[in-house]
Protein backbone atom coordinates (compact mmCIF):
# COMPACT_ATOMS: atom_id res chain seq x y z
CA UNK A 1 14.72 -27.10 -2.29
CA UNK A 2 11.93 -25.00 -3.71
CA UNK A 3 10.91 -21.58 -2.56
CA UNK A 4 7.47 -20.15 -2.99
CA UNK A 5 6.19 -16.70 -3.75
CA UNK A 6 2.72 -15.27 -3.59
CA UNK A 7 0.93 -12.02 -4.22
CA UNK A 8 -2.16 -10.98 -2.34
CA UNK A 9 -4.38 -8.07 -3.22
CA UNK A 10 -7.90 -6.81 -2.76
CA UNK A 11 -9.93 -6.87 -5.94
CA UNK A 12 -13.01 -4.96 -7.00
CA UNK A 13 -13.50 -5.40 -10.74
CA UNK A 14 -9.73 -5.27 -11.03
CA UNK A 15 -6.83 -4.97 -8.63
CA UNK A 16 -7.50 -2.36 -5.95
CA UNK A 17 -4.98 -2.67 -3.15
CA UNK A 18 -1.91 -4.79 -2.59
CA UNK A 19 1.67 -4.73 -1.39
CA UNK A 20 2.77 -1.87 -3.69
CA UNK A 21 0.09 0.61 -2.63
CA UNK A 22 0.59 -0.53 0.97
CA UNK A 23 4.30 0.35 0.74
CA UNK A 24 3.48 3.69 -0.90
CA UNK A 25 1.15 4.62 1.97
CA UNK A 26 3.67 3.34 4.51
CA UNK A 27 6.28 5.65 2.98
CA UNK A 28 3.90 8.60 3.18
CA UNK A 29 3.25 7.83 6.83
CA UNK A 30 7.00 7.67 7.53
CA UNK A 31 8.09 10.72 5.52
CA UNK A 32 4.99 12.90 5.36
CA UNK A 33 5.56 13.17 1.61
CA UNK A 34 4.01 11.47 -1.40
CA UNK A 35 6.97 12.60 -3.50
CA UNK A 36 9.55 11.07 -1.15
CA UNK A 37 7.58 7.85 -0.81
CA UNK A 38 7.21 7.53 -4.58
CA UNK A 39 10.91 8.22 -5.10
CA UNK A 40 11.85 5.54 -2.56
CA UNK A 41 9.79 3.02 -4.57
CA UNK A 42 11.21 4.12 -7.93
CA UNK A 43 8.00 5.81 -9.07
CA UNK A 44 7.40 9.29 -10.35
CA UNK A 45 5.18 11.61 -8.34
CA UNK A 46 2.58 11.60 -11.13
CA UNK A 47 2.51 7.77 -11.22
CA UNK A 48 2.05 7.57 -7.47
CA UNK A 49 -0.59 10.30 -7.42
CA UNK A 50 -2.51 8.65 -10.27
CA UNK A 51 -2.33 5.27 -8.56
CA UNK A 52 -3.75 6.66 -5.32
CA UNK A 53 -6.54 8.47 -7.18
CA UNK A 54 -7.55 5.24 -9.00
CA UNK A 55 -7.52 3.32 -5.71
CA UNK A 56 -9.60 6.01 -4.00
CA UNK A 57 -12.19 5.85 -6.80
CA UNK A 58 -12.53 2.08 -6.46
CA UNK A 59 -12.58 2.11 -2.65
CA UNK A 60 -14.89 5.09 -2.35
CA UNK A 61 -12.82 6.99 0.22
CA UNK A 62 -9.80 9.28 0.42
CA UNK A 63 -6.42 7.83 1.39
CA UNK A 64 -4.32 10.97 1.89
CA UNK A 65 -4.78 14.62 2.67
CA UNK A 66 -2.17 16.80 1.00
CA UNK A 67 -1.05 20.34 1.65
CA UNK A 68 0.71 22.13 -1.20
CA UNK A 69 4.13 23.70 -0.72
CA UNK A 70 4.95 27.24 0.18
CA UNK A 71 7.02 28.93 2.85
CA UNK A 72 6.42 26.14 5.35
CA UNK A 73 6.44 23.42 2.68
CA UNK A 74 3.79 20.91 1.77
CA UNK A 75 3.16 17.38 2.89
CA UNK A 76 0.75 14.49 3.00
CA UNK A 77 -0.90 12.63 5.84
CA UNK A 78 -2.92 9.43 5.78
CA UNK A 79 -6.62 9.51 6.51
CA UNK A 80 -8.03 7.35 9.27
CA UNK A 81 -9.58 5.15 6.56
CA UNK A 82 -6.14 4.63 4.97
CA UNK A 83 -4.60 3.72 8.32
CA UNK A 84 -7.39 1.24 8.97
CA UNK A 85 -7.02 -0.26 5.48
CA UNK A 86 -3.28 -0.66 6.01
CA UNK A 87 -3.74 -2.27 9.43
CA UNK A 88 -6.32 -4.74 8.09
CA UNK A 89 -4.39 -5.53 4.90
CA UNK A 90 -1.16 -6.13 6.83
CA UNK A 91 -2.88 -8.41 9.36
CA UNK A 92 -4.58 -10.32 6.51
CA UNK A 93 -1.29 -10.60 4.58
CA UNK A 94 0.70 -11.81 7.59
CA UNK A 95 -1.92 -14.38 8.55
CA UNK A 96 -2.16 -15.61 4.95
CA UNK A 97 1.64 -15.91 4.83
CA UNK A 98 1.64 -18.01 8.01
CA UNK A 99 -0.98 -20.33 6.54
CA UNK A 100 0.89 -20.61 3.23
CA UNK A 101 4.13 -21.33 5.12
CA UNK A 102 2.37 -24.12 6.97
CA UNK A 103 0.95 -25.59 3.75
CA UNK A 104 4.29 -25.28 1.97
CA UNK A 105 6.02 -27.22 4.75
CA UNK A 106 3.26 -29.84 4.71
CA UNK A 107 3.53 -30.45 0.97
CA UNK A 108 7.20 -29.82 0.16
CA UNK A 109 9.24 -30.82 3.23
């Protein structure tokens, strides 16, 4: 039997936000570190930082607040806007997946 796959992202004159950036922000929320989140996803820090900056430019708001290292170490936290974006994207993604599952079963089972 067939399987299906789909990708779902927000677009604004080009891809803005999808599963990859969602997972990057989720990792930051879990670890408090952009570097650790990037590493977990197989990205370099500079790739991840650049990606977030490009997304922020397109969205028009900041996604993370970072504190540089030092004696107490650095870290990153998500802004309220980022948390809201993640919540809405995840709800949209999960609902879309349910609908696609239903349509897949209708047409291929």
